[in-house]
Amino acid sequence: MDATPMPRHTARRSRAAFCAAAFALALLTAAPARADWLQPDPSYREAQMLLRAAIRDTLHHAGDAVRLDSLGISLLRLGRFDDAAPIFERALALDSQDPIALAGLGKIALFRSDLERALPLLEAAAKIDDAALGDLFAARVRAGQFEAAADMAADVNQQGREEMLRRMAGTELYQMSASKPVIELRWRRAYPVPLVRVRLNGRVMLMAVDTGASGLLVDDSAARLANVEPMAYDALTFWSGSRQAVRNAMVQKLQLGDLEVRNVPAGIISLRRWSLEVNPRGERVAGVIGLELLRRFTPTLDYAEQKLILRRDDAPWQRPPGALAAPFEIWGENELTVYGSLAGGRRMAMVVQSGVPNCGVGAPREVMEEIGVRPGAVAKLVKGAGQWLQGVPWAPVTVPSVSVGPMVESNVPGWQGALASSEIWRHGVRRDALISHDFFKDKAVTIDWKSRELVFEQR
């Protein structure tokens, strides 16, 4: 770092500019907004209050790293990354070993998939403060540093994954046979979630496609039929709006059309009751294809043509003319997250979980109440998939409007409770809802990993 002293007049201008920017930020934050009079839940209001207090405390104290850290954290918690990043950068310029600034910048880089920047920041922060360990663990898993992640599994309460991570470190994962550059799989059923035919260790089975599953999920009975060998320990995975317990396993061979994928990490879970929701009176759904496999391709979920398209790296893809795009981030290890609004309200972070049955949008009760949406008396008696996934019933609702980037849909059906309340602050940043199947109807949705955008083609 350049230690040359800044000229006094330059320093005064820098401090004045910073204070003016902070004051403008205070005015923006304090201005009444729709979210204020619609009364968001107490935890959100508290986060707003802490942000206002941090702005007041930081005014005229641009050289105080502690105050800057408080302001940065308050902005970060409300998802204002573009505002938080320069605050953390300023704090780091004052103290190069500031663990809060290092961790804050590392989290933002992780969410934006800049692992080359995230890893050194989070490693430096974790040496000083344990608060960065969770993000560092996620960054190492995403970077394929499985041994390093296994070494710290106990430190982040992930002991059940240590054996799996060490197995992954010693295995060439996702080995793919030669196939066509573009693989197309017709959906065997399009609603309430996409279902496709696959071969699991040679056995023909039916699987769902869900961007909300981190890896491959395999039904316990299907795992036995296909001789999928389970490991000794269980772990937690985020799926359908809450954390689910799965038994670690490695699938030897998964065939998607003429594509064969070997050594696929998986989690074994009972899907019997979920299968009744997504394929009533049909064969039992054997598993769920999640984001970890989809990210090996440029995938398109074509809801209009009812097919899954997987493009390998040697099959270049360009955004079609007229298509709309919404930027996304990856939170934690594999949580595809976009920004939008419900019922024209405040900006919200929403995780994309395409496999929630009979659902366009899901949110906790407190978020639905904030936007003035409540289930009717009859609707409260209806039981959704949450009855077995989360142990509590979900209530069906209709949200007047849902926007994701430039995409807007009216009267979107969904579930109150489909995203568990415990997930709102899971990563230390506010997340309010999930977006699922019914929002994407009549569209083709492509995950463009290079530009980090969801691309929508209206059919």
Protein backbone atom coordinates (compact mmCIF):
# COMPACT_ATOMS: atom_id res chain seq x y z
CA MET A 1 0.00 0.00 0.00
CA ASP A 2 1.29 3.48 -0.91
CA ALA A 3 2.18 5.24 2.35
CA THR A 4 2.78 8.66 0.74
CA PRO A 5 0.86 11.23 2.81
CA MET A 6 -2.09 12.82 1.10
CA PRO A 7 -1.87 16.62 0.70
CA ARG A 8 -4.00 18.44 3.23
CA HIS A 9 -6.26 20.12 0.68
CA THR A 10 -6.77 16.76 -1.09
CA ALA A 11 -7.55 15.05 2.20
CA ARG A 12 -10.05 17.78 3.11
CA ARG A 13 -11.76 17.42 -0.27
CA SER A 14 -11.82 13.64 0.13
CA ARG A 15 -13.38 13.87 3.60
CA ALA A 16 -15.86 16.48 2.43
CA ALA A 17 -16.88 14.35 -0.54
CA PHE A 18 -17.28 11.33 1.68
CA CYS A 19 -19.41 13.23 4.21
CA ALA A 20 -21.56 14.70 1.45
CA ALA A 21 -22.11 11.25 -0.01
CA ALA A 22 -22.97 9.84 3.41
CA PHE A 23 -25.39 12.69 4.05
CA ALA A 24 -27.10 12.10 0.71
CA LEU A 25 -27.29 8.42 1.58
CA ALA A 26 -28.87 9.34 4.91
CA LEU A 27 -31.54 11.38 3.15
CA LEU A 28 -32.31 8.52 0.80
CA THR A 29 -32.51 6.04 3.63
CA ALA A 30 -34.63 8.25 5.83
CA ALA A 31 -37.09 9.13 3.05
CA PRO A 32 -40.47 7.45 3.51
CA ALA A 33 -40.89 4.49 1.21
CA ARG A 34 -43.66 2.07 0.50
CA ALA A 35 -41.89 -0.56 2.59
CA ASP A 36 -42.12 1.77 5.63
CA TRP A 37 -45.86 2.29 5.61
CA LEU A 38 -46.52 -1.32 4.67
CA GLN A 39 -44.73 -2.28 7.88
CA PRO A 40 -42.05 -4.86 7.14
CA ASP A 41 -41.31 -7.31 9.93
CA PRO A 42 -39.46 -6.17 13.08
CA SER A 43 -36.11 -7.61 12.00
CA TYR A 44 -36.17 -5.60 8.78
CA ARG A 45 -37.22 -2.42 10.57
CA GLU A 46 -34.40 -2.96 13.05
CA ALA A 47 -31.91 -3.30 10.16
CA GLN A 48 -33.22 -0.01 8.72
CA MET A 49 -32.90 1.67 12.10
CA LEU A 50 -29.33 0.43 12.54
CA LEU A 51 -28.45 1.76 9.10
CA ARG A 52 -29.80 5.21 9.93
CA ALA A 53 -27.87 5.21 13.20
CA ALA A 54 -24.67 4.10 11.46
CA ILE A 55 -25.00 6.90 8.90
CA ARG A 56 -25.44 9.49 11.64
CA ASP A 57 -22.45 8.11 13.56
CA THR A 58 -20.23 8.13 10.47
CA LEU A 59 -20.92 11.70 9.40
CA HIS A 60 -17.79 13.80 9.99
CA HIS A 61 -15.89 10.63 11.04
CA ALA A 62 -14.62 9.41 7.67
CA GLY A 63 -11.30 8.43 9.26
CA ASP A 64 -12.83 6.11 11.87
CA ALA A 65 -12.60 2.52 10.63
CA VAL A 66 -14.89 1.20 13.37
CA ARG A 67 -17.70 3.55 12.37
CA LEU A 68 -17.12 2.78 8.72
CA ASP A 69 -17.38 -0.93 9.49
CA SER A 70 -20.74 -0.41 11.21
CA LEU A 71 -22.04 1.51 8.20
CA GLY A 72 -20.74 -1.12 5.78
CA ILE A 73 -22.34 -3.98 7.70
CA SER A 74 -25.67 -2.13 7.90
CA LEU A 75 -25.67 -1.57 4.14
CA LEU A 76 -24.59 -5.16 3.49
CA ARG A 77 -27.40 -6.61 5.58
CA LEU A 78 -29.96 -4.77 3.46
CA GLY A 79 -28.40 -6.00 0.23
CA ARG A 80 -26.93 -2.64 -0.76
CA PHE A 81 -23.65 -4.10 -1.99
CA ASP A 82 -22.75 -1.25 -4.34
CA ASP A 83 -23.01 1.17 -1.41
CA ALA A 84 -21.28 -1.12 1.09
CA ALA A 85 -18.21 -1.97 -1.04
CA PRO A 86 -16.65 1.54 -1.12
CA ILE A 87 -17.29 1.92 2.62
CA PHE A 88 -15.37 -1.30 3.30
CA GLU A 89 -12.64 -0.24 0.87
CA ARG A 90 -12.27 3.02 2.79
CA ALA A 91 -12.04 1.15 6.11
CA LEU A 92 -9.44 -1.21 4.64
CA ALA A 93 -7.37 1.75 3.45
CA LEU A 94 -7.28 2.93 7.06
CA ASP A 95 -6.50 -0.52 8.48
CA SER A 96 -5.30 -3.24 6.10
CA GLN A 97 -6.04 -5.92 8.73
CA ASP A 98 -9.62 -4.83 9.44
CA PRO A 99 -11.42 -8.21 9.65
CA ILE A 100 -14.90 -6.74 9.16
CA ALA A 101 -13.93 -4.91 5.98
CA LEU A 102 -12.07 -7.97 4.68
CA ALA A 103 -15.03 -10.23 5.41
CA GLY A 104 -17.54 -7.77 3.93
CA LEU A 105 -15.63 -7.38 0.68
CA GLY A 106 -15.04 -11.15 0.59
CA LYS A 107 -18.77 -11.86 0.94
CA ILE A 108 -19.64 -9.44 -1.86
CA ALA A 109 -17.00 -11.02 -4.12
CA LEU A 110 -18.29 -14.51 -3.25
CA PHE A 111 -21.89 -13.57 -4.11
CA ARG A 112 -20.67 -12.12 -7.40
CA SER A 113 -18.71 -15.29 -8.20
CA ASP A 114 -15.33 -13.54 -8.12
CA LEU A 115 -13.61 -16.36 -6.25
CA GLU A 116 -10.09 -15.14 -7.06
CA ARG A 117 -10.85 -12.01 -5.04
CA ALA A 118 -13.10 -13.63 -2.45
CA LEU A 119 -10.72 -16.35 -1.25
CA PRO A 120 -7.75 -14.21 -0.15
CA LEU A 121 -10.05 -11.66 1.48
CA LEU A 122 -11.97 -14.30 3.43
CA GLU A 123 -8.80 -16.21 4.36
CA ALA A 124 -7.28 -13.02 5.76
CA ALA A 125 -10.48 -12.20 7.65
CA ALA A 126 -10.83 -15.74 9.06
CA LYS A 127 -7.33 -15.60 10.57
CA ILE A 128 -8.51 -12.71 12.74
CA ASP A 129 -12.23 -13.33 13.25
CA ASP A 130 -14.29 -16.54 13.09
CA ALA A 131 -17.25 -14.63 11.62
CA ALA A 132 -15.82 -15.11 8.11
CA LEU A 133 -15.50 -18.90 8.37
CA GLY A 134 -18.91 -19.69 6.86
CA ASP A 135 -18.26 -17.68 3.71
CA LEU A 136 -14.72 -19.04 3.47
CA PHE A 137 -16.04 -22.60 3.63
CA ALA A 138 -18.54 -21.86 0.84
CA ALA A 139 -15.83 -20.21 -1.26
CA ARG A 140 -13.51 -23.21 -0.91
CA VAL A 141 -16.25 -25.63 -1.89
CA ARG A 142 -17.16 -23.55 -4.93
CA ALA A 143 -13.49 -23.29 -5.92
CA GLY A 144 -13.04 -27.06 -5.69
CA GLN A 145 -10.71 -26.81 -2.68
CA PHE A 146 -12.38 -29.78 -1.04
CA GLU A 147 -9.53 -30.86 1.25
CA ALA A 148 -9.23 -27.35 2.65
CA ALA A 149 -13.01 -27.24 3.13
CA ALA A 150 -12.95 -30.64 4.85
CA ASP A 151 -10.27 -29.41 7.25
CA MET A 152 -12.56 -26.64 8.47
CA ALA A 153 -15.86 -28.55 8.34
CA ALA A 154 -16.09 -28.90 12.12
CA ASP A 155 -15.45 -25.17 12.57
CA VAL A 156 -18.62 -24.34 10.63
CA ASN A 157 -20.79 -27.15 12.07
CA GLN A 158 -20.51 -29.20 8.87
CA GLN A 159 -18.94 -32.29 10.42
CA GLY A 160 -21.28 -34.53 8.45
CA ARG A 161 -19.75 -33.34 5.19
CA GLU A 162 -16.11 -33.98 6.01
CA GLU A 163 -16.07 -37.57 4.70
CA MET A 164 -17.88 -36.48 1.53
CA LEU A 165 -15.53 -33.57 0.91
CA ARG A 166 -12.44 -35.78 1.26
CA ARG A 167 -13.99 -38.29 -1.13
CA MET A 168 -14.64 -35.46 -3.59
CA ALA A 169 -11.04 -34.28 -3.25
CA GLY A 170 -9.77 -37.70 -4.32
CA THR A 171 -12.21 -38.22 -7.20
CA GLU A 172 -12.47 -36.76 -10.67
CA LEU A 173 -16.01 -35.44 -10.42
CA TYR A 174 -18.52 -35.04 -13.24
CA GLN A 175 -16.56 -37.05 -15.79
CA MET A 176 -18.47 -36.73 -19.07
CA SER A 177 -18.49 -39.04 -22.05
CA ALA A 178 -18.31 -37.74 -25.58
CA SER A 179 -21.69 -36.59 -26.79
CA LYS A 180 -23.32 -34.03 -29.01
CA PRO A 181 -22.43 -30.40 -28.13
CA VAL A 182 -26.10 -29.79 -27.35
CA ILE A 183 -28.24 -32.27 -25.41
CA GLU A 184 -32.02 -31.93 -25.42
CA LEU A 185 -34.27 -33.81 -23.02
CA ARG A 186 -38.01 -33.68 -23.55
CA TRP A 187 -40.01 -33.27 -20.38
CA ARG A 188 -42.13 -36.25 -19.50
CA ARG A 189 -44.30 -33.96 -17.43
CA ALA A 190 -44.26 -30.17 -17.43
CA TYR A 191 -46.44 -29.35 -14.45
CA PRO A 192 -46.23 -28.83 -11.54
CA VAL A 193 -42.45 -29.25 -12.08
CA PRO A 194 -40.36 -30.42 -15.07
CA LEU A 195 -39.71 -34.18 -15.08
CA VAL A 196 -37.25 -35.95 -17.39
CA ARG A 197 -36.17 -39.53 -18.08
CA VAL A 198 -32.65 -40.46 -17.00
CA ARG A 199 -30.63 -43.57 -16.28
CA LEU A 200 -29.31 -43.86 -12.74
CA ASN A 201 -26.54 -46.45 -12.65
CA GLY A 202 -28.18 -47.98 -15.71
CA ARG A 203 -31.78 -47.99 -14.41
CA VAL A 204 -34.37 -45.90 -16.23
CA MET A 205 -35.98 -43.46 -13.80
CA LEU A 206 -37.85 -40.17 -13.62
CA MET A 207 -36.16 -37.08 -12.19
CA ALA A 208 -37.17 -33.48 -11.64
CA VAL A 209 -35.14 -30.45 -12.71
CA ASP A 210 -34.78 -27.83 -9.98
CA THR A 211 -32.40 -24.89 -9.86
CA GLY A 212 -33.09 -24.75 -6.13
CA ALA A 213 -31.39 -28.06 -5.36
CA SER A 214 -27.66 -27.62 -4.81
CA GLY A 215 -26.53 -31.00 -6.09
CA LEU A 216 -28.18 -34.23 -7.12
CA LEU A 217 -30.90 -35.53 -4.79
CA VAL A 218 -31.81 -39.22 -4.96
CA ASP A 219 -34.87 -40.86 -3.44
CA ASP A 220 -33.98 -43.48 -0.85
CA SER A 221 -35.85 -46.31 -2.60
CA ALA A 222 -34.34 -45.38 -5.97
CA ALA A 223 -30.89 -45.33 -4.40
CA ARG A 224 -31.38 -48.91 -3.21
CA LEU A 225 -32.67 -50.09 -6.61
CA ALA A 226 -29.77 -48.46 -8.44
CA ASN A 227 -27.14 -49.59 -5.92
CA VAL A 228 -26.13 -46.05 -5.01
CA GLU A 229 -23.75 -46.53 -2.09
CA PRO A 230 -24.49 -44.20 0.82
CA MET A 231 -21.76 -42.82 3.04
CA ALA A 232 -21.70 -42.88 6.81
CA TYR A 233 -22.90 -39.37 7.62
CA ASP A 234 -25.79 -37.02 7.01
CA ALA A 235 -25.62 -33.36 6.04
CA LEU A 236 -27.99 -30.45 5.51
CA THR A 237 -28.87 -29.05 2.11
CA PHE A 238 -31.04 -26.08 1.12
CA TRP A 239 -33.99 -27.16 -1.00
CA SER A 240 -37.58 -25.98 -1.51
CA GLY A 241 -37.18 -23.07 0.86
CA SER A 242 -35.66 -24.78 3.89
CA ARG A 243 -32.82 -26.99 5.10
CA GLN A 244 -33.25 -30.73 4.50
CA ALA A 245 -31.28 -33.64 5.97
CA VAL A 246 -29.68 -35.92 3.36
CA ARG A 247 -27.35 -38.90 3.47
CA ASN A 248 -24.13 -38.25 1.55
CA ALA A 249 -23.57 -40.49 -1.47
CA MET A 250 -21.73 -40.71 -4.79
CA VAL A 251 -23.64 -41.71 -7.93
CA GLN A 252 -21.38 -43.74 -10.16
CA LYS A 253 -23.20 -43.00 -13.43
CA LEU A 254 -26.00 -40.68 -14.51
CA GLN A 255 -27.13 -40.71 -18.14
CA LEU A 256 -28.95 -37.75 -19.69
CA GLY A 257 -29.88 -38.74 -23.21
CA ASP A 258 -26.64 -39.77 -24.90
CA LEU A 259 -24.55 -37.95 -22.28
CA GLU A 260 -23.02 -40.03 -19.50
CA VAL A 261 -21.81 -38.31 -16.34
CA ARG A 262 -19.73 -40.26 -13.82
CA ASN A 263 -18.93 -39.58 -10.16
CA VAL A 264 -21.78 -37.25 -9.28
CA PRO A 265 -22.00 -36.16 -5.61
CA ALA A 266 -25.51 -36.69 -4.27
CA GLY A 267 -27.72 -36.62 -1.23
CA ILE A 268 -30.17 -39.42 -0.43
CA ILE A 269 -33.56 -38.32 0.88
CA SER A 270 -37.08 -39.76 0.97
CA LEU A 271 -39.06 -38.20 -1.87
CA ARG A 272 -42.19 -40.33 -1.50
CA ARG A 273 -44.59 -37.63 -0.35
CA TRP A 274 -43.01 -34.95 -2.53
CA SER A 275 -43.39 -37.31 -5.49
CA LEU A 276 -47.13 -37.50 -4.79
CA GLU A 277 -47.26 -33.71 -5.11
CA VAL A 278 -45.33 -33.46 -8.39
CA ASN A 279 -46.44 -36.67 -10.13
CA PRO A 280 -49.79 -37.69 -8.65
CA ARG A 281 -50.98 -41.17 -9.67
CA GLY A 282 -47.73 -41.63 -11.58
CA GLU A 283 -44.47 -43.39 -10.96
CA ARG A 284 -42.35 -42.32 -8.04
CA VAL A 285 -39.90 -39.54 -8.84
CA ALA A 286 -36.41 -40.91 -8.30
CA GLY A 287 -34.50 -37.69 -7.76
CA VAL A 288 -33.82 -34.05 -8.47
CA ILE A 289 -31.18 -32.64 -10.84
CA GLY A 290 -29.79 -29.54 -9.16
CA LEU A 291 -27.65 -26.53 -9.91
CA GLU A 292 -24.24 -28.15 -9.42
CA LEU A 293 -24.79 -30.36 -12.47
CA LEU A 294 -26.53 -27.63 -14.48
CA ARG A 295 -23.62 -25.25 -14.02
CA ARG A 296 -21.43 -27.61 -16.07
CA PHE A 297 -23.43 -26.43 -19.09
CA THR A 298 -25.25 -23.40 -20.42
CA PRO A 299 -28.70 -24.74 -19.57
CA THR A 300 -32.10 -23.66 -20.85
CA LEU A 301 -35.35 -24.61 -19.17
CA ASP A 302 -37.81 -24.17 -22.02
CA TYR A 303 -41.24 -24.08 -20.44
CA ALA A 304 -42.98 -23.33 -23.73
CA GLU A 305 -41.43 -26.21 -25.70
CA GLN A 306 -41.20 -28.39 -22.58
CA LYS A 307 -37.59 -29.44 -22.83
CA LEU A 308 -34.26 -29.12 -21.05
CA ILE A 309 -31.35 -27.99 -23.22
CA LEU A 310 -27.76 -28.51 -22.04
CA ARG A 311 -24.98 -26.84 -24.05
CA ARG A 312 -21.38 -27.86 -23.51
CA ASP A 313 -18.51 -25.37 -23.61
CA ASP A 314 -17.91 -26.20 -27.27
CA ALA A 315 -21.47 -25.13 -28.13
CA PRO A 316 -21.29 -21.32 -27.90
CA TRP A 317 -24.52 -19.55 -27.04
CA GLN A 318 -25.55 -15.95 -27.63
CA ARG A 319 -28.52 -14.09 -26.23
CA PRO A 320 -31.33 -14.10 -28.83
CA PRO A 321 -32.48 -10.72 -30.14
CA GLY A 322 -35.30 -9.29 -28.06
CA ALA A 323 -34.60 -11.50 -25.04
CA LEU A 324 -34.70 -9.88 -21.61
CA ALA A 325 -32.08 -10.50 -18.93
CA ALA A 326 -31.98 -10.27 -15.15
CA PRO A 327 -28.62 -10.26 -13.33
CA PHE A 328 -28.10 -12.96 -10.73
CA GLU A 329 -25.74 -13.74 -7.88
CA ILE A 330 -24.76 -17.02 -6.24
CA TRP A 331 -25.17 -16.83 -2.48
CA GLY A 332 -23.39 -19.35 -0.28
CA GLU A 333 -22.43 -22.46 -2.18
CA ASN A 334 -25.16 -22.73 -4.80
CA GLU A 335 -28.12 -20.42 -4.23
CA LEU A 336 -29.13 -18.71 -7.46
CA THR A 337 -30.40 -15.28 -6.40
CA VAL A 338 -32.11 -12.49 -8.34
CA TYR A 339 -33.64 -9.14 -7.40
CA GLY A 340 -37.17 -7.95 -7.92
CA SER A 341 -40.29 -6.94 -6.06
CA LEU A 342 -43.62 -8.31 -4.90
CA ALA A 343 -46.80 -6.28 -5.40
CA GLY A 344 -44.76 -3.24 -6.44
CA GLY A 345 -43.04 -3.03 -3.06
CA ARG A 346 -39.41 -2.62 -2.08
CA ARG A 347 -36.46 -4.27 -3.80
CA MET A 348 -36.08 -7.85 -2.63
CA ALA A 349 -33.53 -10.63 -3.04
CA MET A 350 -35.22 -13.84 -4.23
CA VAL A 351 -33.73 -17.30 -4.64
CA VAL A 352 -34.63 -19.17 -7.85
CA GLN A 353 -35.99 -22.62 -6.96
CA SER A 354 -37.75 -23.87 -10.09
CA GLY A 355 -38.95 -27.14 -8.58
CA VAL A 356 -41.43 -25.96 -5.96
CA PRO A 357 -44.76 -27.50 -7.05
CA ASN A 358 -47.76 -25.34 -7.96
CA CYS A 359 -45.78 -22.20 -7.21
CA GLY A 360 -44.69 -18.97 -8.89
CA VAL A 361 -43.54 -17.21 -5.74
CA GLY A 362 -43.08 -18.23 -2.13
CA ALA A 363 -42.34 -16.15 0.93
CA PRO A 364 -42.60 -16.32 4.72
CA ARG A 365 -45.79 -15.11 6.39
CA GLU A 366 -44.17 -11.85 7.51
CA VAL A 367 -43.21 -10.93 3.93
CA MET A 368 -46.66 -11.76 2.53
CA GLU A 369 -48.26 -9.66 5.26
CA GLU A 370 -45.93 -6.77 4.44
CA ILE A 371 -47.26 -6.63 0.86
CA GLY A 372 -50.84 -7.04 2.05
CA VAL A 373 -51.33 -10.60 0.78
CA ARG A 374 -53.08 -13.07 3.07
CA PRO A 375 -54.57 -16.49 2.42
CA GLY A 376 -58.33 -16.82 2.64
CA ALA A 377 -60.10 -18.93 5.24
CA VAL A 378 -60.54 -21.87 2.87
CA ALA A 379 -56.96 -21.57 1.59
CA LYS A 380 -55.63 -22.03 5.11
CA LEU A 381 -56.99 -25.56 5.07
CA VAL A 382 -55.07 -26.52 1.93
CA LYS A 383 -51.84 -28.41 2.55
CA GLY A 384 -48.89 -28.01 0.21
CA ALA A 385 -45.53 -29.67 -0.08
CA GLY A 386 -44.42 -27.83 3.03
CA GLN A 387 -46.49 -30.17 5.16
CA TRP A 388 -43.72 -32.73 4.88
CA LEU A 389 -40.75 -30.60 3.77
CA GLN A 390 -40.88 -28.15 6.67
CA GLY A 391 -43.32 -29.86 9.02
CA VAL A 392 -45.84 -27.01 8.71
CA PRO A 393 -48.51 -26.43 6.06
CA TRP A 394 -48.10 -23.82 3.37
CA ALA A 395 -51.09 -21.61 2.55
CA PRO A 396 -51.89 -20.83 -1.11
CA VAL A 397 -51.93 -17.15 -2.08
CA THR A 398 -52.03 -15.01 -5.21
CA VAL A 399 -49.55 -12.13 -5.44
CA PRO A 400 -50.88 -9.21 -7.57
CA SER A 401 -47.54 -8.69 -9.34
CA VAL A 402 -44.05 -10.17 -9.28
CA SER A 403 -41.05 -8.61 -11.01
CA VAL A 404 -37.60 -10.08 -11.61
CA GLY A 405 -35.34 -7.62 -13.36
CA PRO A 406 -37.31 -6.51 -16.46
CA MET A 407 -39.77 -9.42 -16.26
CA VAL A 408 -43.17 -8.74 -14.68
CA GLU A 409 -46.06 -11.15 -14.19
CA SER A 410 -49.50 -10.42 -12.75
CA ASN A 411 -51.61 -12.53 -10.38
CA VAL A 412 -48.88 -15.05 -9.66
CA PRO A 413 -49.93 -18.09 -7.61
CA GLY A 414 -47.72 -19.12 -4.75
CA TRP A 415 -47.34 -20.31 -1.20
CA GLN A 416 -47.14 -18.42 2.05
CA GLY A 417 -44.49 -20.24 4.05
CA ALA A 418 -42.69 -21.82 1.08
CA LEU A 419 -39.54 -19.96 2.12
CA ALA A 420 -38.90 -20.63 5.80
CA SER A 421 -38.60 -17.64 8.10
CA SER A 422 -35.24 -19.00 9.26
CA GLU A 423 -33.88 -18.37 5.74
CA ILE A 424 -34.53 -14.62 5.75
CA TRP A 425 -31.13 -13.72 7.24
CA ARG A 426 -29.31 -17.00 6.52
CA HIS A 427 -26.25 -15.37 4.95
CA GLY A 428 -26.35 -12.23 7.06
CA VAL A 429 -28.12 -10.47 4.17
CA ARG A 430 -31.85 -9.99 3.78
CA ARG A 431 -33.59 -12.47 1.44
CA ASP A 432 -37.37 -12.34 1.18
CA ALA A 433 -38.79 -14.83 -1.31
CA LEU A 434 -38.28 -17.64 -3.79
CA ILE A 435 -39.26 -17.67 -7.46
CA SER A 436 -40.45 -20.91 -9.01
CA HIS A 437 -42.09 -22.74 -11.90
CA ASP A 438 -45.27 -20.71 -12.45
CA PHE A 439 -43.38 -17.44 -12.89
CA PHE A 440 -41.50 -18.94 -15.86
CA LYS A 441 -44.49 -20.36 -17.76
CA ASP A 442 -44.51 -19.72 -21.53
CA LYS A 443 -40.84 -18.70 -21.43
CA ALA A 444 -37.46 -20.21 -22.12
CA VAL A 445 -35.06 -19.41 -19.31
CA THR A 446 -31.31 -19.71 -19.90
CA ILE A 447 -28.68 -19.45 -17.17
CA ASP A 448 -25.82 -17.50 -18.73
CA TRP A 449 -22.95 -18.16 -16.33
CA LYS A 450 -20.48 -15.91 -18.15
CA SER A 451 -22.59 -12.77 -17.94
CA ARG A 452 -24.28 -13.90 -14.69
CA GLU A 453 -27.75 -13.32 -16.10
CA LEU A 454 -31.02 -15.18 -16.39
CA VAL A 455 -32.11 -14.70 -20.00
CA PHE A 456 -35.84 -14.81 -20.72
CA GLU A 457 -37.30 -15.57 -24.15
CA GLN A 458 -41.05 -15.06 -24.38
CA ARG A 459 -42.63 -17.73 -26.57
